[in-house]
N, C-alpha and C. Protein backbone atom coordinates (compact mmCIF):
# COMPACT_ATOMS: atom_id res chain seq x y z
N MET A 1 -26.39 15.01 4.53
CA MET A 1 -25.21 14.34 4.02
C MET A 1 -23.97 14.75 4.82
N MET A 2 -24.15 14.97 6.09
CA MET A 2 -23.04 15.38 6.94
C MET A 2 -22.63 14.21 7.83
N PHE A 3 -21.37 14.09 8.12
CA PHE A 3 -20.84 13.10 9.05
C PHE A 3 -19.97 13.83 10.05
N ASP A 4 -20.50 14.03 11.23
CA ASP A 4 -19.78 14.74 12.29
C ASP A 4 -19.28 16.11 11.82
N GLY A 5 -20.13 16.85 11.12
CA GLY A 5 -19.77 18.19 10.68
C GLY A 5 -19.03 18.25 9.36
N ILE A 6 -18.80 17.12 8.73
CA ILE A 6 -18.07 17.09 7.47
C ILE A 6 -19.03 16.74 6.34
N ASP A 7 -19.05 17.56 5.30
CA ASP A 7 -19.91 17.34 4.15
C ASP A 7 -19.26 16.30 3.24
N LEU A 8 -19.84 15.12 3.16
CA LEU A 8 -19.25 14.04 2.37
C LEU A 8 -19.29 14.32 0.88
N LEU A 9 -20.26 15.09 0.42
CA LEU A 9 -20.29 15.49 -0.99
C LEU A 9 -19.10 16.41 -1.29
N ALA A 10 -18.77 17.29 -0.36
CA ALA A 10 -17.60 18.16 -0.52
C ALA A 10 -16.32 17.34 -0.55
N VAL A 11 -16.26 16.30 0.27
CA VAL A 11 -15.09 15.41 0.29
C VAL A 11 -14.94 14.73 -1.07
N LEU A 12 -16.04 14.22 -1.61
CA LEU A 12 -15.99 13.58 -2.92
C LEU A 12 -15.56 14.58 -3.99
N ALA A 13 -16.12 15.78 -3.96
CA ALA A 13 -15.75 16.81 -4.94
C ALA A 13 -14.28 17.18 -4.81
N ALA A 14 -13.77 17.27 -3.59
CA ALA A 14 -12.36 17.60 -3.37
C ALA A 14 -11.46 16.50 -3.92
N ALA A 15 -11.86 15.25 -3.73
CA ALA A 15 -11.07 14.14 -4.25
C ALA A 15 -11.04 14.14 -5.77
N VAL A 16 -12.19 14.37 -6.39
CA VAL A 16 -12.26 14.41 -7.85
C VAL A 16 -11.42 15.57 -8.39
N ALA A 17 -11.57 16.75 -7.78
CA ALA A 17 -10.82 17.93 -8.24
C ALA A 17 -9.32 17.74 -8.08
N SER A 18 -8.89 17.17 -6.97
CA SER A 18 -7.45 16.99 -6.76
C SER A 18 -6.90 15.88 -7.65
N PHE A 19 -7.69 14.86 -7.93
CA PHE A 19 -7.26 13.81 -8.86
C PHE A 19 -7.07 14.41 -10.25
N ALA A 20 -8.00 15.27 -10.66
CA ALA A 20 -7.89 15.96 -11.95
C ALA A 20 -6.68 16.88 -11.97
N ALA A 21 -6.43 17.58 -10.86
CA ALA A 21 -5.26 18.46 -10.78
C ALA A 21 -3.97 17.65 -10.94
N GLY A 22 -3.94 16.47 -10.35
CA GLY A 22 -2.77 15.60 -10.50
C GLY A 22 -2.57 15.16 -11.94
N ALA A 23 -3.66 14.88 -12.63
CA ALA A 23 -3.57 14.51 -14.04
C ALA A 23 -3.00 15.65 -14.87
N VAL A 24 -3.44 16.86 -14.59
CA VAL A 24 -2.91 18.03 -15.30
C VAL A 24 -1.44 18.23 -14.94
N TRP A 25 -1.11 18.14 -13.65
CA TRP A 25 0.27 18.35 -13.18
C TRP A 25 1.24 17.40 -13.88
N TYR A 26 0.95 16.12 -13.81
CA TYR A 26 1.86 15.15 -14.42
C TYR A 26 1.72 15.11 -15.94
N GLY A 27 0.58 15.56 -16.47
CA GLY A 27 0.45 15.70 -17.91
C GLY A 27 1.40 16.76 -18.44
N LEU A 28 1.51 17.86 -17.70
CA LEU A 28 2.42 18.94 -18.10
C LEU A 28 3.88 18.60 -17.84
N LEU A 29 4.15 17.89 -16.74
CA LEU A 29 5.52 17.60 -16.34
C LEU A 29 5.91 16.15 -16.56
N GLY A 30 5.12 15.41 -17.33
CA GLY A 30 5.32 13.97 -17.49
C GLY A 30 6.68 13.58 -18.02
N LYS A 31 7.16 14.25 -19.05
CA LYS A 31 8.46 13.87 -19.62
C LYS A 31 9.60 14.14 -18.65
N VAL A 32 9.55 15.27 -17.99
CA VAL A 32 10.58 15.60 -17.00
C VAL A 32 10.48 14.63 -15.83
N TRP A 33 9.26 14.33 -15.39
CA TRP A 33 9.05 13.41 -14.28
C TRP A 33 9.59 12.02 -14.60
N MET A 34 9.37 11.54 -15.82
CA MET A 34 9.86 10.21 -16.20
C MET A 34 11.38 10.15 -16.23
N ARG A 35 12.03 11.24 -16.59
CA ARG A 35 13.49 11.27 -16.60
C ARG A 35 14.07 11.28 -15.19
N ALA A 36 13.39 11.95 -14.27
CA ALA A 36 13.94 12.12 -12.92
C ALA A 36 14.19 10.78 -12.22
N PRO A 37 13.24 9.85 -12.20
CA PRO A 37 13.54 8.55 -11.58
C PRO A 37 14.04 7.51 -12.60
N ARG A 38 14.36 7.99 -13.82
CA ARG A 38 14.86 7.14 -14.89
C ARG A 38 13.87 6.04 -15.29
N LEU A 39 12.65 6.43 -15.54
CA LEU A 39 11.61 5.49 -15.96
C LEU A 39 11.45 5.53 -17.47
N ASP A 40 11.01 4.43 -18.05
CA ASP A 40 10.62 4.47 -19.45
C ASP A 40 9.11 4.24 -19.54
N LYS A 41 8.56 4.53 -20.71
CA LYS A 41 7.11 4.44 -20.85
C LYS A 41 6.57 3.04 -20.57
N ALA A 42 7.33 2.02 -20.90
CA ALA A 42 6.88 0.65 -20.67
C ALA A 42 6.73 0.36 -19.18
N ALA A 43 7.57 0.97 -18.37
CA ALA A 43 7.54 0.71 -16.92
C ALA A 43 6.32 1.34 -16.25
N ILE A 44 5.75 2.37 -16.87
CA ILE A 44 4.62 3.06 -16.24
C ILE A 44 3.37 3.03 -17.12
N ARG A 45 3.19 1.92 -17.82
CA ARG A 45 2.01 1.82 -18.68
C ARG A 45 0.74 1.96 -17.84
N PRO A 46 -0.29 2.56 -18.40
CA PRO A 46 -1.53 2.77 -17.64
C PRO A 46 -2.15 1.44 -17.20
N ARG A 47 -2.47 1.37 -15.93
CA ARG A 47 -3.13 0.19 -15.36
C ARG A 47 -4.33 0.70 -14.58
N PRO A 48 -5.53 0.22 -14.90
CA PRO A 48 -6.74 0.72 -14.24
C PRO A 48 -6.68 0.64 -12.71
N LEU A 49 -6.18 -0.45 -12.16
CA LEU A 49 -6.14 -0.59 -10.70
C LEU A 49 -5.24 0.46 -10.05
N LEU A 50 -4.20 0.87 -10.75
CA LEU A 50 -3.32 1.91 -10.23
C LEU A 50 -4.09 3.23 -10.08
N PHE A 51 -4.89 3.56 -11.08
CA PHE A 51 -5.67 4.80 -11.03
C PHE A 51 -6.81 4.71 -10.01
N ILE A 52 -7.44 3.54 -9.92
CA ILE A 52 -8.50 3.36 -8.93
C ILE A 52 -7.92 3.49 -7.52
N GLY A 53 -6.80 2.83 -7.28
CA GLY A 53 -6.14 2.93 -5.98
C GLY A 53 -5.72 4.35 -5.65
N SER A 54 -5.22 5.06 -6.65
CA SER A 54 -4.82 6.46 -6.45
C SER A 54 -6.03 7.31 -6.08
N PHE A 55 -7.16 7.08 -6.75
CA PHE A 55 -8.35 7.87 -6.44
C PHE A 55 -8.85 7.55 -5.03
N VAL A 56 -8.83 6.29 -4.65
CA VAL A 56 -9.26 5.93 -3.29
C VAL A 56 -8.37 6.64 -2.26
N CYS A 57 -7.07 6.69 -2.52
CA CYS A 57 -6.16 7.41 -1.61
C CYS A 57 -6.49 8.90 -1.56
N GLN A 58 -6.83 9.49 -2.71
CA GLN A 58 -7.22 10.90 -2.74
C GLN A 58 -8.50 11.11 -1.92
N LEU A 59 -9.41 10.16 -2.00
CA LEU A 59 -10.66 10.24 -1.25
C LEU A 59 -10.40 10.17 0.26
N VAL A 60 -9.55 9.26 0.67
CA VAL A 60 -9.18 9.17 2.09
C VAL A 60 -8.50 10.46 2.53
N MET A 61 -7.57 10.96 1.70
CA MET A 61 -6.88 12.20 2.04
C MET A 61 -7.87 13.35 2.20
N ALA A 62 -8.83 13.46 1.29
CA ALA A 62 -9.81 14.54 1.36
C ALA A 62 -10.67 14.43 2.62
N LEU A 63 -11.04 13.22 2.99
CA LEU A 63 -11.85 13.03 4.20
C LEU A 63 -11.07 13.43 5.45
N ILE A 64 -9.85 12.96 5.57
CA ILE A 64 -9.04 13.30 6.74
C ILE A 64 -8.70 14.79 6.74
N PHE A 65 -8.40 15.34 5.57
CA PHE A 65 -8.08 16.76 5.47
C PHE A 65 -9.28 17.61 5.85
N ALA A 66 -10.48 17.19 5.45
CA ALA A 66 -11.70 17.91 5.86
C ALA A 66 -11.82 17.92 7.38
N GLY A 67 -11.49 16.81 8.01
CA GLY A 67 -11.52 16.76 9.47
C GLY A 67 -10.51 17.70 10.10
N ILE A 68 -9.34 17.79 9.51
CA ILE A 68 -8.31 18.71 10.02
C ILE A 68 -8.79 20.15 9.91
N ILE A 69 -9.30 20.52 8.74
CA ILE A 69 -9.78 21.89 8.55
C ILE A 69 -10.94 22.17 9.51
N TYR A 70 -11.85 21.22 9.62
CA TYR A 70 -13.02 21.39 10.49
C TYR A 70 -12.60 21.65 11.94
N HIS A 71 -11.60 20.95 12.40
CA HIS A 71 -11.14 21.12 13.78
C HIS A 71 -10.26 22.35 13.96
N ALA A 72 -9.77 22.91 12.87
CA ALA A 72 -8.92 24.11 12.95
C ALA A 72 -9.74 25.39 13.03
N GLY A 73 -11.00 25.33 12.64
CA GLY A 73 -11.84 26.53 12.65
C GLY A 73 -12.93 26.40 11.62
N PRO A 74 -13.55 27.51 11.27
CA PRO A 74 -14.63 27.46 10.27
C PRO A 74 -14.13 26.92 8.93
N MET A 75 -14.99 26.21 8.22
CA MET A 75 -14.64 25.65 6.92
C MET A 75 -14.72 26.77 5.88
N THR A 76 -13.59 27.45 5.67
CA THR A 76 -13.51 28.54 4.70
C THR A 76 -12.37 28.25 3.73
N VAL A 77 -12.36 28.97 2.61
CA VAL A 77 -11.26 28.82 1.65
C VAL A 77 -9.94 29.21 2.31
N ALA A 78 -9.93 30.29 3.06
CA ALA A 78 -8.69 30.73 3.72
C ALA A 78 -8.17 29.66 4.67
N ASN A 79 -9.05 29.08 5.49
CA ASN A 79 -8.62 28.01 6.40
C ASN A 79 -8.18 26.76 5.63
N GLY A 80 -8.84 26.50 4.51
CA GLY A 80 -8.46 25.35 3.69
C GLY A 80 -7.08 25.50 3.11
N VAL A 81 -6.78 26.69 2.57
CA VAL A 81 -5.47 26.92 1.97
C VAL A 81 -4.38 26.96 3.04
N LEU A 82 -4.64 27.65 4.15
CA LEU A 82 -3.66 27.70 5.23
C LEU A 82 -3.39 26.30 5.77
N SER A 83 -4.43 25.52 5.98
CA SER A 83 -4.25 24.14 6.45
C SER A 83 -3.46 23.32 5.44
N ALA A 84 -3.71 23.55 4.14
CA ALA A 84 -2.98 22.83 3.09
C ALA A 84 -1.49 23.11 3.19
N VAL A 85 -1.14 24.37 3.31
CA VAL A 85 0.28 24.74 3.38
C VAL A 85 0.93 24.16 4.64
N LEU A 86 0.23 24.22 5.77
CA LEU A 86 0.78 23.71 7.02
C LEU A 86 0.94 22.19 6.99
N VAL A 87 -0.08 21.48 6.53
CA VAL A 87 0.00 20.02 6.45
C VAL A 87 1.09 19.60 5.48
N TRP A 88 1.16 20.27 4.33
CA TRP A 88 2.19 19.94 3.34
C TRP A 88 3.58 20.18 3.91
N THR A 89 3.79 21.34 4.52
CA THR A 89 5.10 21.67 5.06
C THR A 89 5.51 20.71 6.18
N GLY A 90 4.58 20.43 7.08
CA GLY A 90 4.91 19.63 8.25
C GLY A 90 4.97 18.13 8.02
N PHE A 91 4.20 17.63 7.06
CA PHE A 91 4.11 16.18 6.91
C PHE A 91 4.52 15.68 5.53
N LEU A 92 3.98 16.26 4.47
CA LEU A 92 4.24 15.72 3.14
C LEU A 92 5.63 16.09 2.62
N ALA A 93 5.97 17.37 2.66
CA ALA A 93 7.28 17.78 2.13
C ALA A 93 8.41 17.13 2.91
N THR A 94 8.29 17.11 4.22
CA THR A 94 9.36 16.54 5.04
C THR A 94 9.52 15.04 4.77
N THR A 95 8.42 14.32 4.69
CA THR A 95 8.47 12.88 4.42
C THR A 95 9.04 12.60 3.04
N LEU A 96 8.60 13.37 2.06
CA LEU A 96 9.08 13.19 0.70
C LEU A 96 10.57 13.46 0.60
N ILE A 97 11.03 14.52 1.24
CA ILE A 97 12.46 14.86 1.21
C ILE A 97 13.28 13.73 1.83
N VAL A 98 12.87 13.25 3.00
CA VAL A 98 13.62 12.17 3.66
C VAL A 98 13.63 10.92 2.77
N ASN A 99 12.46 10.50 2.28
CA ASN A 99 12.40 9.30 1.44
C ASN A 99 13.24 9.44 0.19
N HIS A 100 13.13 10.56 -0.49
CA HIS A 100 13.88 10.75 -1.73
C HIS A 100 15.38 10.81 -1.49
N ARG A 101 15.80 11.39 -0.37
CA ARG A 101 17.24 11.43 -0.10
C ARG A 101 17.78 10.02 0.14
N PHE A 102 17.05 9.20 0.90
CA PHE A 102 17.50 7.83 1.15
C PHE A 102 17.43 6.97 -0.11
N GLN A 103 16.49 7.27 -1.01
CA GLN A 103 16.36 6.51 -2.25
C GLN A 103 17.33 6.98 -3.32
N GLY A 104 18.02 8.08 -3.06
CA GLY A 104 18.94 8.62 -4.05
C GLY A 104 18.24 9.31 -5.20
N ALA A 105 17.00 9.70 -5.01
CA ALA A 105 16.24 10.38 -6.06
C ALA A 105 16.78 11.80 -6.24
N SER A 106 16.56 12.34 -7.41
CA SER A 106 17.04 13.69 -7.70
C SER A 106 16.16 14.73 -7.00
N TRP A 107 16.75 15.91 -6.81
CA TRP A 107 15.96 17.02 -6.26
C TRP A 107 14.87 17.43 -7.24
N GLY A 108 15.10 17.22 -8.54
CA GLY A 108 14.07 17.52 -9.52
C GLY A 108 12.82 16.69 -9.29
N LEU A 109 13.01 15.40 -9.00
CA LEU A 109 11.87 14.53 -8.71
C LEU A 109 11.17 14.98 -7.43
N THR A 110 11.95 15.36 -6.43
CA THR A 110 11.37 15.83 -5.17
C THR A 110 10.54 17.08 -5.40
N LEU A 111 11.03 17.99 -6.21
CA LEU A 111 10.28 19.22 -6.49
C LEU A 111 9.00 18.93 -7.27
N ILE A 112 9.08 18.05 -8.26
CA ILE A 112 7.89 17.72 -9.04
C ILE A 112 6.84 17.03 -8.16
N ASP A 113 7.25 16.00 -7.44
CA ASP A 113 6.30 15.28 -6.59
C ASP A 113 5.82 16.14 -5.43
N GLY A 114 6.72 16.90 -4.83
CA GLY A 114 6.33 17.79 -3.73
C GLY A 114 5.35 18.86 -4.19
N GLY A 115 5.61 19.42 -5.36
CA GLY A 115 4.69 20.41 -5.92
C GLY A 115 3.32 19.82 -6.20
N HIS A 116 3.32 18.58 -6.67
CA HIS A 116 2.05 17.90 -6.92
C HIS A 116 1.23 17.79 -5.64
N TRP A 117 1.86 17.34 -4.55
CA TRP A 117 1.11 17.16 -3.30
C TRP A 117 0.68 18.49 -2.69
N LEU A 118 1.47 19.53 -2.90
CA LEU A 118 1.03 20.86 -2.45
C LEU A 118 -0.20 21.29 -3.24
N ALA A 119 -0.15 21.09 -4.56
CA ALA A 119 -1.30 21.44 -5.40
C ALA A 119 -2.54 20.63 -5.00
N VAL A 120 -2.36 19.34 -4.74
CA VAL A 120 -3.48 18.49 -4.32
C VAL A 120 -4.13 19.05 -3.06
N LEU A 121 -3.33 19.36 -2.05
CA LEU A 121 -3.89 19.87 -0.80
C LEU A 121 -4.53 21.24 -0.97
N ILE A 122 -3.93 22.10 -1.76
CA ILE A 122 -4.53 23.43 -1.98
C ILE A 122 -5.87 23.28 -2.70
N VAL A 123 -5.92 22.46 -3.74
CA VAL A 123 -7.18 22.23 -4.45
C VAL A 123 -8.22 21.66 -3.50
N GLN A 124 -7.84 20.68 -2.70
CA GLN A 124 -8.79 20.12 -1.75
C GLN A 124 -9.24 21.17 -0.73
N GLY A 125 -8.30 21.98 -0.24
CA GLY A 125 -8.65 23.02 0.72
C GLY A 125 -9.62 24.04 0.15
N VAL A 126 -9.40 24.42 -1.11
CA VAL A 126 -10.30 25.39 -1.76
C VAL A 126 -11.69 24.78 -1.94
N VAL A 127 -11.75 23.56 -2.47
CA VAL A 127 -13.06 22.92 -2.69
C VAL A 127 -13.80 22.71 -1.37
N LEU A 128 -13.10 22.20 -0.38
CA LEU A 128 -13.74 21.99 0.93
C LEU A 128 -14.19 23.31 1.54
N GLY A 129 -13.36 24.35 1.39
CA GLY A 129 -13.73 25.66 1.92
C GLY A 129 -14.93 26.26 1.21
N LEU A 130 -15.00 26.09 -0.11
CA LEU A 130 -16.13 26.63 -0.87
C LEU A 130 -17.43 25.89 -0.56
N MET A 131 -17.34 24.59 -0.41
CA MET A 131 -18.55 23.79 -0.19
C MET A 131 -18.92 23.71 1.29
N GLY A 132 -17.94 24.09 2.14
CA GLY A 132 -18.14 24.22 3.57
C GLY A 132 -18.73 23.06 4.23
């Protein structure tokens, strides 16, 4: 079940784990998160396609992230976490900060969303590192 050195079962597990971590993250910070961009519950009602699309994106992220870790060195938890922090710092945090500043979003929203993506990458890095 390997594709060019990447364990696809590990990729699936990383996507599932990070999707669950996102549910916990926004479950805990949901009320604060809804206030930050000034949303009401009606505007963000649950829609199945939204969750399916989000999971597919997590799956793509896990696959590409596995490739990054694989090319950085051995597939270990330490390399997974280090890669998570580097990718988040260099690409996700910077992009989120720029987008949120131009959108006029609050720093609170940036911190909540940025923290979520850091958690996603760390969870994926740990799962990919453990499953190697």
